[in-house]
Amino acid sequence: MRQDTDYQLALHRKKRLDSLLHHETALVLLNLAVIAALLLVHTFFMSLLGPPSRLLVMALTIRFLLLLAELRWLQRYAGARQEQAAFWHFHYSIWTNIGFAFLASFLGGAADSHYSVLMVLPIIAAAARLNLPGTLGIVGVAITLTILEVWLFFRQHPPAESSEYFEAATVSLIFLVVALVVWALIRNLKLEEQKLRESLVAQEHLQEKLVTEEKLAAIGRLSSAIAHEIRNPVAMISSSLVMGQRSQDAALKEEMFAIAAQEASRLEAFTTEFLTYAHGKEPVRKLTLIAATLGYVASLVKARAEELRVTICTTCDETLQAQLDDFQVQQALLNLLTNALDATPPGGTITLGAVVVVPNILQIFVENQGERIAEDAEAHLFEPFFTTKKKGTGLGLPIVRNIAHAHQGSVELTMNQSGRVRFTMIFPAAVTLLTKPKGELNGSHSDRR
């Protein structure tokens, strides 16, 4: 548990540092975009602003190159020391951007140079990362430098104009509003993120608790079902043997011993089915002629079908082939066919068929004429030990499902209405090229015999 907690904390810390580096990268890209936009504006309004001074062009060029170097450093070299890289780059970028914004505004050649907009970038960055006093401190520095830039301009170009100071004060007020709005938004986002994180942690704990409880409940149901299925035959065997030993009637003894043998066989069959369900087996896929597989399975239950007066029909393209474990598919179909026989009234028909619904997806189905499956039973059909039969083990359909899943497929109750009940096994990416000589096929009728 301690290791899991440490791992979660380390993972959260890494995500946070990755996010910080992404923010720093976004800030650099924003700086590049703003500088390019300011140069473009200066070019369009050169008649009003005048050509940029040589010092301004040099400063913008150097700053542009430095930003490109920062971007490259963040992308290639910051990964090894993320925490230090994010910390130092944040402080470096704040003060560098403030200094460059002041320098560009001063070199812009006007008291109200449009390059002062560069001061907004470090203010936004500070509001996103610092607390309120720290953010207000950065805003105070930006306001001071903005007014200082106007003062320096009029010192070189007297006389001073009060309107320019008023504009500087207005810009300073905008700086303050931007800082407060961004800080408030970021704070709210962080609070919501914290609430969401706490909610997710609580949900994960609840989910783990529910999963644990469900596992324990499943183990309890499984144990109860196994105990029930074993207890009844053992009790019958024990009572039959005792009665057979005590009785002097030879016919009764023979009857009791026959019951004991029958219940022992039933217990053996249950154990075999349970082991088949529990262990499963990886399918050995071979090119299989589907029509031959269906015919073989139908032949296995032919005698019982005649006894019950039920007709079994098969429908399948004679050339259809698929990469399947023929033995496992036969086992699954035999379970489905046995269930269908039990549910079909005398004179009814069971259809065993296979179709390709879309390229490379095979569906093999067993459909019988019988009563529809009740809604309360339908939801539990594939649960282990669930059965509606008096002597059923409840493992037939779960075994079918395991075999389908082993083939990366599924089994579904695709039709459930009075007179038509169909179970379908779906095998994706199983169908191969058609007709090959029968001697090359595995799982054909001749191979099984």
Protein backbone atom coordinates (compact mmCIF):
# COMPACT_ATOMS: atom_id res chain seq x y z
CA MET A 1 0.00 0.00 0.00
CA ARG A 2 2.84 2.37 0.89
CA GLN A 3 4.55 1.68 -2.44
CA ASP A 4 1.31 2.34 -4.32
CA THR A 5 0.86 5.66 -2.51
CA ASP A 6 4.44 6.71 -3.26
CA TYR A 7 3.98 5.73 -6.89
CA GLN A 8 0.76 7.78 -7.15
CA LEU A 9 2.47 10.79 -5.57
CA ALA A 10 5.44 10.50 -7.91
CA LEU A 11 3.12 10.16 -10.90
CA HIS A 12 1.10 13.21 -9.82
CA ARG A 13 4.32 15.21 -9.29
CA LYS A 14 5.60 14.29 -12.74
CA LYS A 15 2.30 15.29 -14.36
CA ARG A 16 2.40 18.62 -12.51
CA LEU A 17 5.97 19.31 -13.64
CA ASP A 18 5.13 18.34 -17.21
CA SER A 19 2.23 20.78 -17.06
CA LEU A 20 4.52 23.55 -15.78
CA LEU A 21 6.97 22.98 -18.62
CA HIS A 22 4.11 23.04 -21.12
CA HIS A 23 2.98 26.36 -19.64
CA GLU A 24 6.48 27.79 -19.95
CA THR A 25 6.66 26.62 -23.56
CA ALA A 26 3.29 28.22 -24.28
CA LEU A 27 4.52 31.49 -22.73
CA VAL A 28 7.59 31.51 -24.98
CA LEU A 29 5.44 30.88 -28.07
CA LEU A 30 3.08 33.67 -26.99
CA ASN A 31 6.05 36.05 -26.64
CA LEU A 32 7.21 35.19 -30.14
CA ALA A 33 3.74 35.72 -31.56
CA VAL A 34 3.28 39.09 -29.80
CA ILE A 35 6.67 40.39 -30.93
CA ALA A 36 5.92 39.40 -34.51
CA ALA A 37 2.48 41.06 -34.30
CA LEU A 38 3.95 44.29 -32.87
CA LEU A 39 6.51 44.46 -35.67
CA LEU A 40 3.74 43.91 -38.20
CA VAL A 41 1.67 46.72 -36.65
CA HIS A 42 4.70 49.03 -36.68
CA THR A 43 5.23 48.24 -40.36
CA PHE A 44 1.62 48.97 -41.32
CA PHE A 45 1.53 52.25 -39.35
CA MET A 46 5.05 53.38 -40.12
CA SER A 47 3.73 56.68 -41.51
CA LEU A 48 2.25 57.44 -38.08
CA LEU A 49 4.84 55.84 -35.79
CA GLY A 50 7.91 56.46 -37.91
CA PRO A 51 10.50 53.83 -38.81
CA PRO A 52 11.78 51.73 -35.88
CA SER A 53 15.15 52.83 -34.56
CA ARG A 54 18.19 50.72 -35.18
CA LEU A 55 18.49 50.00 -31.45
CA LEU A 56 14.85 48.85 -31.34
CA VAL A 57 15.32 46.52 -34.30
CA MET A 58 18.48 45.14 -32.71
CA ALA A 59 16.72 44.63 -29.36
CA LEU A 60 13.75 42.89 -31.00
CA THR A 61 16.06 40.65 -33.04
CA ILE A 62 18.12 39.66 -29.99
CA ARG A 63 14.98 39.01 -27.97
CA PHE A 64 13.51 36.94 -30.77
CA LEU A 65 16.64 34.80 -30.96
CA LEU A 66 16.74 34.41 -27.18
CA LEU A 67 13.14 33.23 -27.18
CA LEU A 68 13.93 30.66 -29.86
CA ALA A 69 16.86 29.46 -27.73
CA GLU A 70 14.56 29.21 -24.68
CA LEU A 71 12.07 27.20 -26.68
CA ARG A 72 14.75 24.78 -27.86
CA TRP A 73 16.11 24.44 -24.32
CA LEU A 74 12.69 23.71 -22.88
CA GLN A 75 11.99 21.06 -25.51
CA ARG A 76 15.34 19.29 -25.50
CA TYR A 77 17.18 19.88 -22.26
CA ALA A 78 14.62 20.65 -19.56
CA GLY A 79 13.29 17.08 -19.33
CA ALA A 80 16.19 15.78 -17.22
CA ARG A 81 15.63 18.36 -14.44
CA GLN A 82 12.04 19.38 -14.81
CA GLU A 83 11.52 20.92 -11.38
CA GLN A 84 14.61 23.12 -11.51
CA ALA A 85 13.99 23.96 -15.17
CA ALA A 86 10.42 25.08 -14.54
CA PHE A 87 11.38 27.11 -11.44
CA TRP A 88 14.33 28.96 -12.97
CA HIS A 89 12.70 29.54 -16.33
CA PHE A 90 9.59 31.00 -14.69
CA HIS A 91 11.55 33.60 -12.71
CA TYR A 92 13.93 34.25 -15.57
CA SER A 93 11.06 34.78 -18.03
CA ILE A 94 9.15 37.10 -15.65
CA TRP A 95 12.00 39.53 -15.13
CA THR A 96 13.39 39.22 -18.64
CA ASN A 97 9.97 40.00 -20.15
CA ILE A 98 9.47 42.95 -17.81
CA GLY A 99 12.90 44.32 -18.65
CA PHE A 100 12.48 43.82 -22.37
CA ALA A 101 8.98 45.36 -22.35
CA PHE A 102 10.42 48.46 -20.66
CA LEU A 103 13.35 48.59 -23.09
CA ALA A 104 11.15 48.15 -26.17
CA SER A 105 8.72 50.82 -24.97
CA PHE A 106 11.58 53.22 -24.30
CA LEU A 107 13.17 52.57 -27.70
CA GLY A 108 9.79 52.79 -29.44
CA GLY A 109 10.27 56.53 -29.83
CA ALA A 110 6.99 57.66 -28.22
CA ALA A 111 5.63 58.28 -24.76
CA ASP A 112 2.72 55.93 -25.45
CA SER A 113 4.61 53.28 -27.41
CA HIS A 114 2.49 50.29 -28.38
CA TYR A 115 5.36 48.04 -27.27
CA SER A 116 4.18 48.55 -23.68
CA VAL A 117 1.65 45.76 -24.37
CA LEU A 118 4.57 43.36 -23.83
CA MET A 119 4.24 44.14 -20.12
CA VAL A 120 0.97 42.17 -20.05
CA LEU A 121 2.77 38.86 -20.67
CA PRO A 122 4.81 38.69 -17.44
CA ILE A 123 1.75 39.94 -15.52
CA ILE A 124 -0.33 37.04 -16.87
CA ALA A 125 2.47 34.58 -16.11
CA ALA A 126 2.79 35.90 -12.55
CA ALA A 127 -0.97 35.77 -11.96
CA ALA A 128 -1.02 32.16 -13.16
CA ARG A 129 1.80 30.97 -10.87
CA LEU A 130 2.17 33.31 -7.88
CA ASN A 131 -0.04 34.12 -4.91
CA LEU A 132 -1.91 37.42 -4.73
CA PRO A 133 0.84 39.43 -2.96
CA GLY A 134 3.44 38.14 -5.43
CA THR A 135 1.19 38.99 -8.38
CA LEU A 136 0.54 42.50 -7.04
CA GLY A 137 4.28 42.93 -6.56
CA ILE A 138 4.91 42.16 -10.25
CA VAL A 139 2.09 44.52 -11.22
CA GLY A 140 3.65 47.23 -9.06
CA VAL A 141 6.99 46.83 -10.86
CA ALA A 142 5.24 46.94 -14.26
CA ILE A 143 3.32 50.11 -13.32
CA THR A 144 6.45 51.77 -11.99
CA LEU A 145 8.40 51.02 -15.19
CA THR A 146 5.50 52.18 -17.36
CA ILE A 147 5.40 55.59 -15.64
CA LEU A 148 9.22 55.70 -15.61
CA GLU A 149 9.28 55.15 -19.37
CA VAL A 150 7.00 58.20 -19.86
CA TRP A 151 9.14 60.27 -17.51
CA LEU A 152 12.36 59.32 -19.34
CA PHE A 153 10.78 60.12 -22.69
CA PHE A 154 9.78 63.63 -21.63
CA ARG A 155 13.13 64.16 -20.01
CA GLN A 156 14.67 63.73 -23.47
CA HIS A 157 11.76 65.41 -25.27
CA PRO A 158 10.40 68.21 -23.07
CA PRO A 159 7.97 69.63 -22.24
CA ALA A 160 6.03 66.94 -20.39
CA GLU A 161 2.36 66.40 -21.25
CA SER A 162 -0.07 65.49 -18.48
CA SER A 163 -2.25 63.55 -20.93
CA GLU A 164 0.57 61.05 -21.48
CA TYR A 165 0.83 60.45 -17.76
CA PHE A 166 -2.94 59.99 -17.67
CA GLU A 167 -2.65 57.38 -20.44
CA ALA A 168 0.16 55.67 -18.54
CA ALA A 169 -2.05 55.58 -15.44
CA THR A 170 -4.90 54.13 -17.52
CA VAL A 171 -2.60 51.43 -18.91
CA SER A 172 -1.41 50.72 -15.36
CA LEU A 173 -5.03 50.27 -14.26
CA ILE A 174 -5.50 47.80 -17.12
CA PHE A 175 -2.43 45.91 -15.88
CA LEU A 176 -3.97 45.68 -12.41
CA VAL A 177 -7.38 44.53 -13.71
CA VAL A 178 -5.79 41.89 -15.97
CA ALA A 179 -3.69 40.59 -13.07
CA LEU A 180 -6.66 40.35 -10.68
CA VAL A 181 -8.96 38.73 -13.25
CA VAL A 182 -6.35 36.14 -14.34
CA TRP A 183 -5.38 35.41 -10.73
CA ALA A 184 -9.03 34.90 -9.74
CA LEU A 185 -9.72 32.65 -12.73
CA ILE A 186 -6.61 30.56 -12.14
CA ARG A 187 -7.43 30.28 -8.43
CA ASN A 188 -10.95 29.08 -9.22
CA LEU A 189 -9.57 26.59 -11.74
CA LYS A 190 -7.11 25.25 -9.18
CA LEU A 191 -9.87 24.92 -6.58
CA GLU A 192 -12.08 23.07 -9.05
CA GLU A 193 -9.14 20.86 -10.05
CA GLN A 194 -8.49 20.06 -6.40
CA LYS A 195 -12.16 19.20 -5.85
CA LEU A 196 -12.16 17.05 -8.97
CA ARG A 197 -8.98 15.27 -7.86
CA GLU A 198 -10.44 14.60 -4.41
CA SER A 199 -13.66 13.37 -6.01
CA LEU A 200 -11.72 11.04 -8.31
CA VAL A 201 -9.70 9.68 -5.38
CA ALA A 202 -12.89 9.08 -3.40
CA GLN A 203 -14.48 7.44 -6.43
CA GLU A 204 -11.45 5.17 -6.91
CA HIS A 205 -11.59 4.13 -3.25
CA LEU A 206 -15.30 3.46 -3.53
CA GLN A 207 -14.77 1.49 -6.73
CA GLU A 208 -12.02 -0.58 -5.13
CA LYS A 209 -14.30 -1.26 -2.17
CA LEU A 210 -17.18 -2.27 -4.43
CA VAL A 211 -14.92 -4.52 -6.52
CA THR A 212 -13.59 -6.17 -3.37
CA GLU A 213 -17.09 -6.70 -2.03
CA GLU A 214 -18.28 -8.05 -5.38
CA LYS A 215 -15.34 -10.47 -5.49
CA LEU A 216 -16.13 -11.68 -1.99
CA ALA A 217 -19.81 -12.03 -2.91
CA ALA A 218 -18.89 -13.92 -6.09
CA ILE A 219 -16.62 -16.24 -4.11
CA GLY A 220 -19.45 -16.80 -1.63
CA ARG A 221 -21.93 -17.60 -4.41
CA LEU A 222 -19.39 -19.86 -6.12
CA SER A 223 -18.61 -21.72 -2.90
CA SER A 224 -22.29 -22.09 -2.10
CA ALA A 225 -23.08 -23.41 -5.57
CA ILE A 226 -20.19 -25.88 -5.53
CA ALA A 227 -21.13 -27.09 -2.05
CA HIS A 228 -24.76 -27.50 -3.15
CA GLU A 229 -23.85 -29.41 -6.31
CA ILE A 230 -21.47 -31.72 -4.44
CA ARG A 231 -23.57 -32.18 -1.30
CA ASN A 232 -26.66 -33.51 -3.02
CA PRO A 233 -24.97 -36.37 -4.96
CA VAL A 234 -22.83 -37.26 -1.93
CA ALA A 235 -25.92 -37.36 0.28
CA MET A 236 -27.72 -39.56 -2.24
CA ILE A 237 -24.73 -41.89 -2.56
CA SER A 238 -24.37 -42.15 1.22
CA SER A 239 -28.06 -42.81 1.90
CA SER A 240 -28.34 -45.30 -1.00
CA LEU A 241 -25.32 -47.28 0.17
CA VAL A 242 -26.57 -47.35 3.76
CA MET A 243 -30.03 -48.48 2.69
CA GLY A 244 -28.60 -51.05 0.33
CA GLN A 245 -26.43 -52.54 3.08
CA ARG A 246 -29.29 -52.74 5.58
CA SER A 247 -31.86 -54.17 3.20
CA GLN A 248 -32.21 -57.91 2.73
CA ASP A 249 -34.14 -57.43 -0.50
CA ALA A 250 -31.79 -58.13 -3.43
CA ALA A 251 -33.86 -56.05 -5.84
CA LEU A 252 -33.79 -53.04 -3.48
CA LYS A 253 -30.05 -53.42 -2.97
CA GLU A 254 -29.49 -53.44 -6.71
CA GLU A 255 -31.69 -50.35 -7.07
CA MET A 256 -29.81 -48.46 -4.31
CA PHE A 257 -26.42 -49.38 -5.75
CA ALA A 258 -27.60 -48.23 -9.17
CA ILE A 259 -28.67 -44.88 -7.68
CA ALA A 260 -25.28 -44.54 -5.97
CA ALA A 261 -23.49 -45.28 -9.25
CA GLN A 262 -25.71 -42.79 -11.10
CA GLU A 263 -25.05 -40.03 -8.55
CA ALA A 264 -21.31 -40.81 -8.64
CA SER A 265 -21.38 -40.37 -12.41
CA ARG A 266 -23.26 -37.12 -11.98
CA LEU A 267 -20.65 -35.91 -9.48
CA GLU A 268 -17.87 -36.87 -11.87
CA ALA A 269 -19.57 -35.01 -14.73
CA PHE A 270 -19.99 -31.90 -12.58
CA THR A 271 -16.33 -31.99 -11.55
CA THR A 272 -15.24 -32.36 -15.17
CA GLU A 273 -17.42 -29.45 -16.28
CA PHE A 274 -16.23 -27.24 -13.45
CA LEU A 275 -12.57 -27.92 -14.25
CA THR A 276 -13.26 -27.19 -17.92
CA TYR A 277 -14.86 -23.89 -16.96
CA ALA A 278 -12.24 -22.90 -14.37
CA HIS A 279 -9.07 -23.78 -16.25
CA GLY A 280 -10.01 -23.06 -19.83
CA LYS A 281 -7.54 -23.69 -22.62
CA GLU A 282 -5.83 -21.62 -25.26
CA PRO A 283 -7.37 -22.52 -28.63
CA VAL A 284 -5.24 -24.26 -31.23
CA ARG A 285 -6.49 -22.62 -34.42
CA LYS A 286 -6.53 -24.60 -37.64
CA LEU A 287 -8.23 -24.15 -40.95
CA THR A 288 -11.64 -25.72 -40.36
CA LEU A 289 -14.47 -26.52 -42.74
CA ILE A 290 -17.45 -25.09 -40.86
CA ALA A 291 -20.10 -27.21 -42.59
CA ALA A 292 -18.27 -30.38 -41.55
CA THR A 293 -18.07 -29.18 -37.94
CA LEU A 294 -21.79 -28.42 -37.83
CA GLY A 295 -22.63 -31.77 -39.39
CA TYR A 296 -20.44 -33.63 -36.92
CA VAL A 297 -22.04 -31.92 -33.89
CA ALA A 298 -25.54 -32.61 -35.29
CA SER A 299 -24.66 -36.28 -35.69
CA LEU A 300 -23.62 -36.50 -32.02
CA VAL A 301 -27.12 -35.67 -30.83
CA LYS A 302 -29.02 -37.39 -33.62
CA ALA A 303 -30.10 -40.35 -31.47
CA ARG A 304 -31.38 -38.17 -28.65
CA ALA A 305 -33.13 -35.84 -31.11
CA GLU A 306 -34.99 -38.79 -32.63
CA GLU A 307 -35.93 -39.96 -29.16
CA LEU A 308 -37.39 -36.53 -28.38
CA ARG A 309 -38.95 -36.31 -31.87
CA VAL A 310 -37.01 -33.12 -32.66
CA THR A 311 -35.66 -32.33 -36.14
CA ILE A 312 -32.15 -30.91 -36.49
CA CYS A 313 -31.28 -28.90 -39.60
CA THR A 314 -27.92 -27.47 -40.61
CA THR A 315 -27.43 -24.51 -42.92
CA CYS A 316 -24.00 -23.37 -44.03
CA ASP A 317 -22.02 -22.66 -47.18
CA GLU A 318 -20.20 -25.90 -47.95
CA THR A 319 -17.01 -24.00 -48.82
CA LEU A 320 -16.92 -21.76 -45.73
CA GLN A 321 -13.68 -22.10 -43.78
CA ALA A 322 -12.30 -20.37 -40.68
CA GLN A 323 -9.28 -20.41 -38.39
CA LEU A 324 -10.73 -22.02 -35.25
CA ASP A 325 -10.03 -24.65 -32.64
CA ASP A 326 -12.42 -27.23 -34.07
CA PHE A 327 -12.58 -29.34 -30.89
CA GLN A 328 -13.44 -26.35 -28.66
CA VAL A 329 -16.06 -25.04 -31.08
CA GLN A 330 -17.64 -28.51 -31.22
CA GLN A 331 -17.73 -28.57 -27.40
CA ALA A 332 -19.42 -25.14 -27.30
CA LEU A 333 -21.96 -26.08 -29.98
CA LEU A 334 -22.71 -29.36 -28.23
CA ASN A 335 -23.58 -27.42 -25.05
CA LEU A 336 -25.82 -25.04 -27.00
CA LEU A 337 -27.43 -27.93 -28.88
CA THR A 338 -28.07 -29.87 -25.66
CA ASN A 339 -29.81 -26.84 -24.15
CA ALA A 340 -31.85 -26.41 -27.33
CA LEU A 341 -32.96 -30.05 -27.21
CA ASP A 342 -34.15 -29.63 -23.62
CA ALA A 343 -36.11 -26.49 -24.58
CA THR A 344 -37.69 -27.72 -27.83
CA PRO A 345 -41.11 -29.39 -27.69
CA PRO A 346 -41.77 -32.67 -29.58
CA GLY A 347 -42.17 -32.02 -33.28
CA GLY A 348 -40.06 -28.89 -33.11
CA THR A 349 -37.01 -27.97 -35.16
CA ILE A 350 -33.49 -26.91 -34.19
CA THR A 351 -31.39 -25.07 -36.77
CA LEU A 352 -27.62 -25.18 -36.59
CA GLY A 353 -26.03 -22.70 -38.98
CA ALA A 354 -23.18 -20.35 -39.84
CA VAL A 355 -23.04 -17.08 -41.79
CA VAL A 356 -20.51 -14.37 -42.61
CA VAL A 357 -22.22 -11.07 -41.69
CA VAL A 358 -19.41 -8.71 -42.71
CA PRO A 359 -16.01 -9.50 -44.21
CA ASN A 360 -13.96 -11.68 -41.90
CA ILE A 361 -16.56 -12.04 -39.11
CA LEU A 362 -18.14 -15.46 -38.65
CA GLN A 363 -21.37 -16.15 -36.79
CA ILE A 364 -22.36 -19.68 -35.77
CA PHE A 365 -25.82 -19.99 -34.30
CA VAL A 366 -28.15 -22.53 -32.70
CA GLU A 367 -31.85 -21.68 -33.00
CA ASN A 368 -34.72 -23.71 -31.57
CA GLN A 369 -38.49 -23.59 -31.61
CA GLY A 370 -39.50 -23.25 -27.99
CA GLU A 371 -40.71 -20.88 -25.31
CA ARG A 372 -38.86 -17.60 -24.91
CA ILE A 373 -36.41 -17.30 -22.03
CA ALA A 374 -37.86 -15.31 -19.11
CA GLU A 375 -36.53 -11.80 -18.63
CA ASP A 376 -35.35 -12.43 -15.07
CA ALA A 377 -33.36 -15.46 -16.28
CA GLU A 378 -31.98 -13.74 -19.40
CA ALA A 379 -29.74 -11.40 -17.38
CA HIS A 380 -28.06 -14.37 -15.62
CA LEU A 381 -27.69 -16.86 -18.47
CA PHE A 382 -23.90 -16.77 -18.59
CA GLU A 383 -23.32 -16.71 -14.84
CA PRO A 384 -21.66 -19.85 -13.44
CA PHE A 385 -24.06 -22.28 -11.73
CA PHE A 386 -27.17 -20.40 -12.85
CA THR A 387 -29.63 -22.86 -14.37
CA THR A 388 -33.35 -23.27 -14.91
CA LYS A 389 -33.04 -27.06 -15.25
CA LYS A 390 -33.75 -29.39 -12.37
CA LYS A 391 -30.54 -31.35 -12.89
CA GLY A 392 -28.43 -28.76 -14.70
CA THR A 393 -25.02 -27.68 -13.42
CA GLY A 394 -25.23 -24.13 -14.77
CA LEU A 395 -21.80 -24.42 -16.41
CA GLY A 396 -22.78 -25.09 -20.04
CA LEU A 397 -23.25 -21.49 -21.18
CA PRO A 398 -20.29 -20.15 -19.14
CA ILE A 399 -18.10 -22.75 -20.88
CA VAL A 400 -19.46 -21.58 -24.25
CA ARG A 401 -18.65 -18.00 -23.30
CA ASN A 402 -15.10 -18.92 -22.23
CA ILE A 403 -14.49 -20.69 -25.54
CA ALA A 404 -15.81 -17.69 -27.49
CA HIS A 405 -13.65 -15.29 -25.47
CA ALA A 406 -10.60 -17.49 -26.02
CA HIS A 407 -11.16 -16.91 -29.75
CA GLN A 408 -11.43 -13.12 -29.09
CA GLY A 409 -15.13 -13.44 -29.80
CA SER A 410 -18.39 -13.51 -27.88
CA VAL A 411 -21.64 -15.40 -27.45
CA GLU A 412 -25.00 -13.64 -27.30
CA LEU A 413 -28.68 -14.36 -27.05
CA THR A 414 -29.50 -12.72 -30.39
CA MET A 415 -33.17 -13.72 -30.59
CA ASN A 416 -35.60 -14.42 -27.79
CA GLN A 417 -39.23 -14.73 -28.72
CA SER A 418 -41.84 -17.42 -28.50
CA GLY A 419 -41.04 -20.01 -31.17
CA ARG A 420 -37.56 -18.62 -31.98
CA VAL A 421 -34.72 -18.61 -29.48
CA ARG A 422 -31.24 -18.16 -30.95
CA PHE A 423 -27.77 -18.20 -29.38
CA THR A 424 -24.98 -16.88 -31.60
CA MET A 425 -21.22 -17.31 -31.30
CA ILE A 426 -19.33 -14.45 -32.97
CA PHE A 427 -15.77 -14.97 -34.19
CA PRO A 428 -14.06 -11.82 -35.51
CA ALA A 429 -11.26 -12.03 -38.08
CA ALA A 430 -11.73 -15.79 -38.40
CA VAL A 431 -12.91 -16.29 -41.98
CA THR A 432 -10.24 -17.19 -44.53
CA LEU A 433 -10.20 -17.80 -48.25
CA LEU A 434 -12.81 -20.23 -49.53
CA THR A 435 -12.53 -23.63 -51.09
CA LYS A 436 -9.44 -25.79 -50.60
CA PRO A 437 -9.16 -29.51 -51.26
CA LYS A 438 -10.70 -31.40 -48.38
CA GLY A 439 -7.50 -33.31 -47.76
CA GLU A 440 -5.88 -30.05 -46.61
CA LEU A 441 -8.57 -29.24 -44.05
CA ASN A 442 -8.41 -29.89 -40.32
CA GLY A 443 -11.57 -30.72 -38.44
CA SER A 444 -13.48 -32.11 -41.42
CA HIS A 445 -15.98 -34.94 -41.12
CA SER A 446 -13.43 -37.47 -42.35
CA ASP A 447 -10.81 -36.22 -39.87
CA ARG A 448 -13.14 -36.71 -36.92
CA ARG A 449 -14.03 -40.20 -37.89
